[in-house]
PDB file of N, CA and C in Angstrom:
ATOM      1  N   MET A   1     -36.391 -22.667 -91.434  1.00  0.00           N
ATOM      2  CA  MET A   1     -37.823 -22.431 -91.547  1.00  0.00           C
ATOM      3  C   MET A   1     -38.503 -23.736 -91.931  1.00  0.00           C
ATOM      4  N   ARG A   2     -39.554 -24.039 -91.244  1.00  0.00           N
ATOM      5  CA  ARG A   2     -40.322 -25.223 -91.568  1.00  0.00           C
ATOM      6  C   ARG A   2     -41.785 -24.818 -91.598  1.00  0.00           C
ATOM      7  N   GLY A   3     -42.430 -24.912 -92.755  1.00  0.00           N
ATOM      8  CA  GLY A   3     -43.831 -24.543 -92.877  1.00  0.00           C
ATOM      9  C   GLY A   3     -44.103 -23.093 -92.509  1.00  0.00           C
ATOM     10  N   GLY A   4     -43.144 -22.202 -92.773  1.00  0.00           N
ATOM     11  CA  GLY A   4     -43.326 -20.793 -92.450  1.00  0.00           C
ATOM     12  C   GLY A   4     -43.037 -20.452 -91.010  1.00  0.00           C
ATOM     13  N   VAL A   5     -42.571 -21.435 -90.227  1.00  0.00           N
ATOM     14  CA  VAL A   5     -42.279 -21.219 -88.814  1.00  0.00           C
ATOM     15  C   VAL A   5     -40.791 -21.395 -88.576  1.00  0.00           C
ATOM     16  N   ASP A   6     -40.171 -20.446 -87.888  1.00  0.00           N
ATOM     17  CA  ASP A   6     -38.756 -20.536 -87.549  1.00  0.00           C
ATOM     18  C   ASP A   6     -38.609 -21.486 -86.364  1.00  0.00           C
ATOM     19  N   VAL A   7     -37.996 -22.644 -86.610  1.00  0.00           N
ATOM     20  CA  VAL A   7     -37.823 -23.626 -85.547  1.00  0.00           C
ATOM     21  C   VAL A   7     -36.384 -23.665 -85.037  1.00  0.00           C
ATOM     22  N   SER A   8     -35.598 -22.624 -85.339  1.00  0.00           N
ATOM     23  CA  SER A   8     -34.217 -22.599 -84.873  1.00  0.00           C
ATOM     24  C   SER A   8     -34.165 -22.541 -83.347  1.00  0.00           C
ATOM     25  N   ALA A   9     -35.119 -21.875 -82.726  1.00  0.00           N
ATOM     26  CA  ALA A   9     -35.255 -21.895 -81.270  1.00  0.00           C
ATOM     27  C   ALA A   9     -36.308 -22.957 -80.975  1.00  0.00           C
ATOM     28  N   THR A  10     -35.874 -24.167 -80.667  1.00  0.00           N
ATOM     29  CA  THR A  10     -36.766 -25.305 -80.525  1.00  0.00           C
ATOM     30  C   THR A  10     -37.812 -25.082 -79.439  1.00  0.00           C
ATOM     31  N   ILE A  11     -39.043 -25.351 -79.803  1.00  0.00           N
ATOM     32  CA  ILE A  11     -40.156 -25.299 -78.853  1.00  0.00           C
ATOM     33  C   ILE A  11     -40.153 -26.594 -78.067  1.00  0.00           C
ATOM     34  N   ARG A  12     -40.333 -26.470 -76.753  1.00  0.00           N
ATOM     35  CA  ARG A  12     -40.370 -27.632 -75.863  1.00  0.00           C
ATOM     36  C   ARG A  12     -41.808 -27.823 -75.381  1.00  0.00           C
ATOM     37  N   ALA A  13     -42.347 -29.026 -75.571  1.00  0.00           N
ATOM     38  CA  ALA A  13     -43.745 -29.307 -75.223  1.00  0.00           C
ATOM     39  C   ALA A  13     -43.841 -30.387 -74.155  1.00  0.00           C
ATOM     40  N   PHE A  14     -44.919 -30.318 -73.383  1.00  0.00           N
ATOM     41  CA  PHE A  14     -45.248 -31.368 -72.412  1.00  0.00           C
ATOM     42  C   PHE A  14     -46.582 -31.965 -72.827  1.00  0.00           C
ATOM     43  N   LEU A  15     -46.698 -33.296 -72.777  1.00  0.00           N
ATOM     44  CA  LEU A  15     -47.921 -33.988 -73.164  1.00  0.00           C
ATOM     45  C   LEU A  15     -48.585 -34.621 -71.956  1.00  0.00           C
ATOM     46  N   LEU A  16     -49.873 -34.372 -71.796  1.00  0.00           N
ATOM     47  CA  LEU A  16     -50.651 -34.991 -70.721  1.00  0.00           C
ATOM     48  C   LEU A  16     -51.858 -35.660 -71.338  1.00  0.00           C
ATOM     49  N   ASP A  17     -51.851 -36.983 -71.339  1.00  0.00           N
ATOM     50  CA  ASP A  17     -52.986 -37.767 -71.824  1.00  0.00           C
ATOM     51  C   ASP A  17     -52.881 -39.148 -71.189  1.00  0.00           C
ATOM     52  N   ASP A  18     -54.005 -39.706 -70.786  1.00  0.00           N
ATOM     53  CA  ASP A  18     -53.973 -41.007 -70.121  1.00  0.00           C
ATOM     54  C   ASP A  18     -53.864 -42.171 -71.105  1.00  0.00           C
ATOM     55  N   HIS A  19     -53.896 -41.904 -72.392  1.00  0.00           N
ATOM     56  CA  HIS A  19     -53.759 -42.959 -73.396  1.00  0.00           C
ATOM     57  C   HIS A  19     -52.370 -42.912 -74.025  1.00  0.00           C
ATOM     58  N   GLU A  20     -51.622 -43.970 -73.828  1.00  0.00           N
ATOM     59  CA  GLU A  20     -50.247 -44.052 -74.338  1.00  0.00           C
ATOM     60  C   GLU A  20     -50.199 -43.866 -75.857  1.00  0.00           C
ATOM     61  N   MET A  21     -51.146 -44.447 -76.575  1.00  0.00           N
ATOM     62  CA  MET A  21     -51.141 -44.334 -78.040  1.00  0.00           C
ATOM     63  C   MET A  21     -51.341 -42.888 -78.490  1.00  0.00           C
ATOM     64  N   VAL A  22     -52.154 -42.133 -77.780  1.00  0.00           N
ATOM     65  CA  VAL A  22     -52.357 -40.719 -78.115  1.00  0.00           C
ATOM     66  C   VAL A  22     -51.056 -39.956 -77.887  1.00  0.00           C
ATOM     67  N   ARG A  23     -50.419 -40.192 -76.731  1.00  0.00           N
ATOM     68  CA  ARG A  23     -49.139 -39.520 -76.457  1.00  0.00           C
ATOM     69  C   ARG A  23     -48.093 -39.896 -77.498  1.00  0.00           C
ATOM     70  N   ARG A  24     -48.051 -41.141 -77.867  1.00  0.00           N
ATOM     71  CA  ARG A  24     -47.080 -41.603 -78.856  1.00  0.00           C
ATOM     72  C   ARG A  24     -47.319 -40.909 -80.206  1.00  0.00           C
ATOM     73  N   GLY A  25     -48.574 -40.827 -80.632  1.00  0.00           N
ATOM     74  CA  GLY A  25     -48.900 -40.159 -81.892  1.00  0.00           C
ATOM     75  C   GLY A  25     -48.565 -38.683 -81.855  1.00  0.00           C
ATOM     76  N   LEU A  26     -48.908 -38.015 -80.743  1.00  0.00           N
ATOM     77  CA  LEU A  26     -48.581 -36.592 -80.603  1.00  0.00           C
ATOM     78  C   LEU A  26     -47.076 -36.377 -80.590  1.00  0.00           C
ATOM     79  N   ARG A  27     -46.353 -37.234 -79.878  1.00  0.00           N
ATOM     80  CA  ARG A  27     -44.895 -37.125 -79.815  1.00  0.00           C
ATOM     81  C   ARG A  27     -44.291 -37.217 -81.216  1.00  0.00           C
ATOM     82  N   GLU A  28     -44.762 -38.161 -82.003  1.00  0.00           N
ATOM     83  CA  GLU A  28     -44.240 -38.323 -83.363  1.00  0.00           C
ATOM     84  C   GLU A  28     -44.595 -37.120 -84.233  1.00  0.00           C
ATOM     85  N   LEU A  29     -45.835 -36.678 -84.165  1.00  0.00           N
ATOM     86  CA  LEU A  29     -46.275 -35.527 -84.951  1.00  0.00           C
ATOM     87  C   LEU A  29     -45.470 -34.276 -84.604  1.00  0.00           C
ATOM     88  N   LEU A  30     -45.298 -34.026 -83.308  1.00  0.00           N
ATOM     89  CA  LEU A  30     -44.549 -32.851 -82.877  1.00  0.00           C
ATOM     90  C   LEU A  30     -43.081 -32.954 -83.266  1.00  0.00           C
ATOM     91  N   SER A  31     -42.495 -34.112 -83.056  1.00  0.00           N
ATOM     92  CA  SER A  31     -41.076 -34.310 -83.404  1.00  0.00           C
ATOM     93  C   SER A  31     -40.844 -34.094 -84.891  1.00  0.00           C
ATOM     94  N   ASN A  32     -41.759 -34.570 -85.713  1.00  0.00           N
ATOM     95  CA  ASN A  32     -41.633 -34.384 -87.160  1.00  0.00           C
ATOM     96  C   ASN A  32     -41.792 -32.920 -87.553  1.00  0.00           C
ATOM     97  N   SER A  33     -42.360 -32.112 -86.662  1.00  0.00           N
ATOM     98  CA  SER A  33     -42.536 -30.678 -86.919  1.00  0.00           C
ATOM     99  C   SER A  33     -41.436 -29.837 -86.284  1.00  0.00           C
ATOM    100  N   GLY A  34     -40.443 -30.494 -85.686  1.00  0.00           N
ATOM    101  CA  GLY A  34     -39.330 -29.770 -85.081  1.00  0.00           C
ATOM    102  C   GLY A  34     -39.580 -29.340 -83.646  1.00  0.00           C
ATOM    103  N   ILE A  35     -40.634 -29.846 -83.043  1.00  0.00           N
ATOM    104  CA  ILE A  35     -40.948 -29.513 -81.647  1.00  0.00           C
ATOM    105  C   ILE A  35     -40.463 -30.656 -80.763  1.00  0.00           C
ATOM    106  N   ARG A  36     -39.723 -30.316 -79.720  1.00  0.00           N
ATOM    107  CA  ARG A  36     -39.184 -31.338 -78.821  1.00  0.00           C
ATOM    108  C   ARG A  36     -40.155 -31.599 -77.683  1.00  0.00           C
ATOM    109  N   VAL A  37     -40.428 -32.862 -77.413  1.00  0.00           N
ATOM    110  CA  VAL A  37     -41.264 -33.226 -76.273  1.00  0.00           C
ATOM    111  C   VAL A  37     -40.354 -33.328 -75.055  1.00  0.00           C
ATOM    112  N   ALA A  38     -40.545 -32.385 -74.120  1.00  0.00           N
ATOM    113  CA  ALA A  38     -39.689 -32.300 -72.938  1.00  0.00           C
ATOM    114  C   ALA A  38     -40.123 -33.282 -71.861  1.00  0.00           C
ATOM    115  N   GLY A  39     -41.375 -33.735 -71.922  1.00  0.00           N
ATOM    116  CA  GLY A  39     -41.875 -34.678 -70.939  1.00  0.00           C
ATOM    117  C   GLY A  39     -43.310 -35.033 -71.240  1.00  0.00           C
ATOM    118  N   GLU A  40     -43.777 -36.061 -70.543  1.00  0.00           N
ATOM    119  CA  GLU A  40     -45.155 -36.491 -70.720  1.00  0.00           C
ATOM    120  C   GLU A  40     -45.632 -37.231 -69.489  1.00  0.00           C
ATOM    121  N   SER A  41     -46.948 -37.316 -69.369  1.00  0.00           N
ATOM    122  CA  SER A  41     -47.540 -37.974 -68.218  1.00  0.00           C
ATOM    123  C   SER A  41     -48.903 -38.520 -68.609  1.00  0.00           C
ATOM    124  N   GLY A  42     -49.339 -39.528 -67.863  1.00  0.00           N
ATOM    125  CA  GLY A  42     -50.664 -40.096 -68.047  1.00  0.00           C
ATOM    126  C   GLY A  42     -51.603 -39.725 -66.931  1.00  0.00           C
ATOM    127  N   SER A  43     -51.132 -38.917 -65.968  1.00  0.00           N
ATOM    128  CA  SER A  43     -52.001 -38.542 -64.847  1.00  0.00           C
ATOM    129  C   SER A  43     -51.862 -37.059 -64.510  1.00  0.00           C
ATOM    130  N   ALA A  44     -52.967 -36.491 -64.055  1.00  0.00           N
ATOM    131  CA  ALA A  44     -52.983 -35.077 -63.666  1.00  0.00           C
ATOM    132  C   ALA A  44     -52.045 -34.837 -62.490  1.00  0.00           C
ATOM    133  N   ARG A  45     -52.065 -35.729 -61.530  1.00  0.00           N
ATOM    134  CA  ARG A  45     -51.229 -35.572 -60.340  1.00  0.00           C
ATOM    135  C   ARG A  45     -49.751 -35.519 -60.698  1.00  0.00           C
ATOM    136  N   GLN A  46     -49.313 -36.462 -61.518  1.00  0.00           N
ATOM    137  CA  GLN A  46     -47.901 -36.490 -61.900  1.00  0.00           C
ATOM    138  C   GLN A  46     -47.534 -35.254 -62.717  1.00  0.00           C
ATOM    139  N   ALA A  47     -48.396 -34.849 -63.637  1.00  0.00           N
ATOM    140  CA  ALA A  47     -48.123 -33.669 -64.464  1.00  0.00           C
ATOM    141  C   ALA A  47     -47.947 -32.430 -63.597  1.00  0.00           C
ATOM    142  N   ALA A  48     -48.827 -32.253 -62.611  1.00  0.00           N
ATOM    143  CA  ALA A  48     -48.747 -31.074 -61.741  1.00  0.00           C
ATOM    144  C   ALA A  48     -47.423 -31.044 -60.971  1.00  0.00           C
ATOM    145  N   LEU A  49     -46.869 -32.211 -60.692  1.00  0.00           N
ATOM    146  CA  LEU A  49     -45.592 -32.279 -59.973  1.00  0.00           C
ATOM    147  C   LEU A  49     -44.391 -32.064 -60.888  1.00  0.00           C
ATOM    148  N   VAL A  50     -44.468 -32.564 -62.110  1.00  0.00           N
ATOM    149  CA  VAL A  50     -43.306 -32.600 -62.997  1.00  0.00           C
ATOM    150  C   VAL A  50     -43.157 -31.348 -63.860  1.00  0.00           C
ATOM    151  N   VAL A  51     -44.259 -30.809 -64.352  1.00  0.00           N
ATOM    152  CA  VAL A  51     -44.194 -29.712 -65.320  1.00  0.00           C
ATOM    153  C   VAL A  51     -43.442 -28.480 -64.804  1.00  0.00           C
ATOM    154  N   PRO A  52     -43.644 -28.040 -63.566  1.00  0.00           N
ATOM    155  CA  PRO A  52     -42.912 -26.837 -63.120  1.00  0.00           C
ATOM    156  C   PRO A  52     -41.388 -26.967 -63.235  1.00  0.00           C
ATOM    157  N   GLY A  53     -40.866 -28.139 -62.977  1.00  0.00           N
ATOM    158  CA  GLY A  53     -39.421 -28.340 -63.089  1.00  0.00           C
ATOM    159  C   GLY A  53     -38.936 -28.413 -64.520  1.00  0.00           C
ATOM    160  N   LEU A  54     -39.789 -28.866 -65.421  1.00  0.00           N
ATOM    161  CA  LEU A  54     -39.400 -28.977 -66.832  1.00  0.00           C
ATOM    162  C   LEU A  54     -39.490 -27.646 -67.568  1.00  0.00           C
ATOM    163  N   ARG A  55     -40.410 -26.795 -67.132  1.00  0.00           N
ATOM    164  CA  ARG A  55     -40.628 -25.474 -67.741  1.00  0.00           C
ATOM    165  C   ARG A  55     -40.772 -25.539 -69.264  1.00  0.00           C
ATOM    166  N   PRO A  56     -41.740 -26.322 -69.758  1.00  0.00           N
ATOM    167  CA  PRO A  56     -41.942 -26.384 -71.212  1.00  0.00           C
ATOM    168  C   PRO A  56     -42.510 -25.070 -71.741  1.00  0.00           C
ATOM    169  N   ASP A  57     -42.369 -24.855 -73.032  1.00  0.00           N
ATOM    170  CA  ASP A  57     -42.933 -23.674 -73.671  1.00  0.00           C
ATOM    171  C   ASP A  57     -44.440 -23.805 -73.837  1.00  0.00           C
ATOM    172  N   VAL A  58     -44.899 -25.031 -74.015  1.00  0.00           N
ATOM    173  CA  VAL A  58     -46.315 -25.301 -74.242  1.00  0.00           C
ATOM    174  C   VAL A  58     -46.665 -26.655 -73.625  1.00  0.00           C
ATOM    175  N   ALA A  59     -47.914 -26.780 -73.185  1.00  0.00           N
ATOM    176  CA  ALA A  59     -48.394 -28.054 -72.652  1.00  0.00           C
ATOM    177  C   ALA A  59     -49.675 -28.424 -73.383  1.00  0.00           C
ATOM    178  N   ILE A  60     -49.739 -29.664 -73.821  1.00  0.00           N
ATOM    179  CA  ILE A  60     -50.929 -30.185 -74.477  1.00  0.00           C
ATOM    180  C   ILE A  60     -51.596 -31.090 -73.458  1.00  0.00           C
ATOM    181  N   LEU A  61     -52.789 -30.677 -72.997  1.00  0.00           N
ATOM    182  CA  LEU A  61     -53.436 -31.315 -71.859  1.00  0.00           C
ATOM    183  C   LEU A  61     -54.764 -31.944 -72.244  1.00  0.00           C
ATOM    184  N   ASP A  62     -54.948 -33.194 -71.863  1.00  0.00           N
ATOM    185  CA  ASP A  62     -56.216 -33.892 -72.048  1.00  0.00           C
ATOM    186  C   ASP A  62     -57.228 -33.316 -71.063  1.00  0.00           C
ATOM    187  N   ALA A  63     -58.430 -33.063 -71.516  1.00  0.00           N
ATOM    188  CA  ALA A  63     -59.447 -32.471 -70.639  1.00  0.00           C
ATOM    189  C   ALA A  63     -59.956 -33.472 -69.602  1.00  0.00           C
ATOM    190  N   ARG A  64     -60.045 -34.743 -69.957  1.00  0.00           N
ATOM    191  CA  ARG A  64     -60.567 -35.758 -69.025  1.00  0.00           C
ATOM    192  C   ARG A  64     -59.517 -36.806 -68.715  1.00  0.00           C
ATOM    193  N   LEU A  65     -59.222 -36.925 -67.442  1.00  0.00           N
ATOM    194  CA  LEU A  65     -58.246 -37.900 -66.969  1.00  0.00           C
ATOM    195  C   LEU A  65     -58.848 -38.665 -65.803  1.00  0.00           C
ATOM    196  N   PRO A  66     -58.372 -39.867 -65.525  1.00  0.00           N
ATOM    197  CA  PRO A  66     -58.924 -40.641 -64.408  1.00  0.00           C
ATOM    198  C   PRO A  66     -58.795 -39.942 -63.048  1.00  0.00           C
ATOM    199  N   ASP A  67     -57.764 -39.118 -62.876  1.00  0.00           N
ATOM    200  CA  ASP A  67     -57.541 -38.483 -61.570  1.00  0.00           C
ATOM    201  C   ASP A  67     -57.730 -36.965 -61.595  1.00  0.00           C
ATOM    202  N   GLY A  68     -58.428 -36.450 -62.579  1.00  0.00           N
ATOM    203  CA  GLY A  68     -58.654 -35.010 -62.651  1.00  0.00           C
ATOM    204  C   GLY A  68     -58.857 -34.577 -64.085  1.00  0.00           C
ATOM    205  N   SER A  69     -58.480 -33.334 -64.366  1.00  0.00           N
ATOM    206  CA  SER A  69     -58.612 -32.839 -65.734  1.00  0.00           C
ATOM    207  C   SER A  69     -57.420 -31.965 -66.095  1.00  0.00           C
ATOM    208  N   GLY A  70     -57.164 -31.885 -67.381  1.00  0.00           N
ATOM    209  CA  GLY A  70     -56.109 -31.006 -67.865  1.00  0.00           C
ATOM    210  C   GLY A  70     -56.421 -29.551 -67.568  1.00  0.00           C
ATOM    211  N   ILE A  71     -57.705 -29.227 -67.494  1.00  0.00           N
ATOM    212  CA  ILE A  71     -58.113 -27.858 -67.175  1.00  0.00           C
ATOM    213  C   ILE A  71     -57.678 -27.502 -65.761  1.00  0.00           C
ATOM    214  N   ASP A  72     -57.867 -28.423 -64.823  1.00  0.00           N
ATOM    215  CA  ASP A  72     -57.423 -28.192 -63.446  1.00  0.00           C
ATOM    216  C   ASP A  72     -55.900 -28.075 -63.374  1.00  0.00           C
ATOM    217  N   VAL A  73     -55.208 -28.940 -64.101  1.00  0.00           N
ATOM    218  CA  VAL A  73     -53.740 -28.893 -64.130  1.00  0.00           C
ATOM    219  C   VAL A  73     -53.279 -27.545 -64.674  1.00  0.00           C
ATOM    220  N   CYS A  74     -53.929 -27.078 -65.725  1.00  0.00           N
ATOM    221  CA  CYS A  74     -53.572 -25.782 -66.310  1.00  0.00           C
ATOM    222  C   CYS A  74     -53.725 -24.672 -65.268  1.00  0.00           C
ATOM    223  N   GLY A  75     -54.820 -24.685 -64.532  1.00  0.00           N
ATOM    224  CA  GLY A  75     -55.029 -23.683 -63.490  1.00  0.00           C
ATOM    225  C   GLY A  75     -53.960 -23.730 -62.416  1.00  0.00           C
ATOM    226  N   GLN A  76     -53.592 -24.944 -61.994  1.00  0.00           N
ATOM    227  CA  GLN A  76     -52.546 -25.098 -60.987  1.00  0.00           C
ATOM    228  C   GLN A  76     -51.213 -24.558 -61.503  1.00  0.00           C
ATOM    229  N   LEU A  77     -50.891 -24.888 -62.734  1.00  0.00           N
ATOM    230  CA  LEU A  77     -49.614 -24.454 -63.306  1.00  0.00           C
ATOM    231  C   LEU A  77     -49.563 -22.944 -63.474  1.00  0.00           C
ATOM    232  N   ARG A  78     -50.653 -22.360 -63.902  1.00  0.00           N
ATOM    233  CA  ARG A  78     -50.690 -20.902 -64.078  1.00  0.00           C
ATOM    234  C   ARG A  78     -50.560 -20.176 -62.743  1.00  0.00           C
ATOM    235  N   SER A  79     -51.098 -20.758 -61.685  1.00  0.00           N
ATOM    236  CA  SER A  79     -51.036 -20.091 -60.380  1.00  0.00           C
ATOM    237  C   SER A  79     -49.642 -20.160 -59.756  1.00  0.00           C
ATOM    238  N   THR A  80     -48.830 -21.115 -60.199  1.00  0.00           N
ATOM    239  CA  THR A  80     -47.491 -21.268 -59.615  1.00  0.00           C
ATOM    240  C   THR A  80     -46.378 -20.827 -60.556  1.00  0.00           C
ATOM    241  N   ALA A  81     -46.708 -20.557 -61.824  1.00  0.00           N
ATOM    242  CA  ALA A  81     -45.679 -20.203 -62.813  1.00  0.00           C
ATOM    243  C   ALA A  81     -45.236 -18.752 -62.638  1.00  0.00           C
ATOM    244  N   PRO A  82     -43.962 -18.500 -62.897  1.00  0.00           N
ATOM    245  CA  PRO A  82     -43.509 -17.100 -62.885  1.00  0.00           C
ATOM    246  C   PRO A  82     -44.177 -16.338 -64.026  1.00  0.00           C
ATOM    247  N   PRO A  83     -44.334 -15.030 -63.894  1.00  0.00           N
ATOM    248  CA  PRO A  83     -44.951 -14.250 -64.963  1.00  0.00           C
ATOM    249  C   PRO A  83     -44.165 -14.344 -66.269  1.00  0.00           C
ATOM    250  N   SER A  84     -44.878 -14.311 -67.371  1.00  0.00           N
ATOM    251  CA  SER A  84     -44.253 -14.376 -68.702  1.00  0.00           C
ATOM    252  C   SER A  84     -43.665 -13.028 -69.059  1.00  0.00           C
ATOM    253  N   ALA A  85     -42.603 -13.086 -69.827  1.00  0.00           N
ATOM    254  CA  ALA A  85     -42.016 -11.838 -70.341  1.00  0.00           C
ATOM    255  C   ALA A  85     -42.923 -11.303 -71.448  1.00  0.00           C
ATOM    256  N   PRO A  86     -43.049  -9.987 -71.574  1.00  0.00           N
ATOM    257  CA  PRO A  86     -43.927  -9.422 -72.618  1.00  0.00           C
ATOM    258  C   PRO A  86     -43.423  -9.720 -74.016  1.00  0.00           C
TER     259      PRO A  86
END
């Protein structure tokens, strides 16, 4: 238990932000909380290609990117993802 959260089943996260320093800070913060960063990207296009194969538990998406938005990426991922178990 860490901070009232059971981290025995490690959460896998994907980071999407066009600023390397932001991704680096998030990666460190998440790692210190027991969350594993399964992948990261600085572009919407690359994230849309990579995330389905990684199948992270959660994705942290920047809203504004040079080649799109995290909101658009989220929509694309939701439309192609298998349904969640209840």
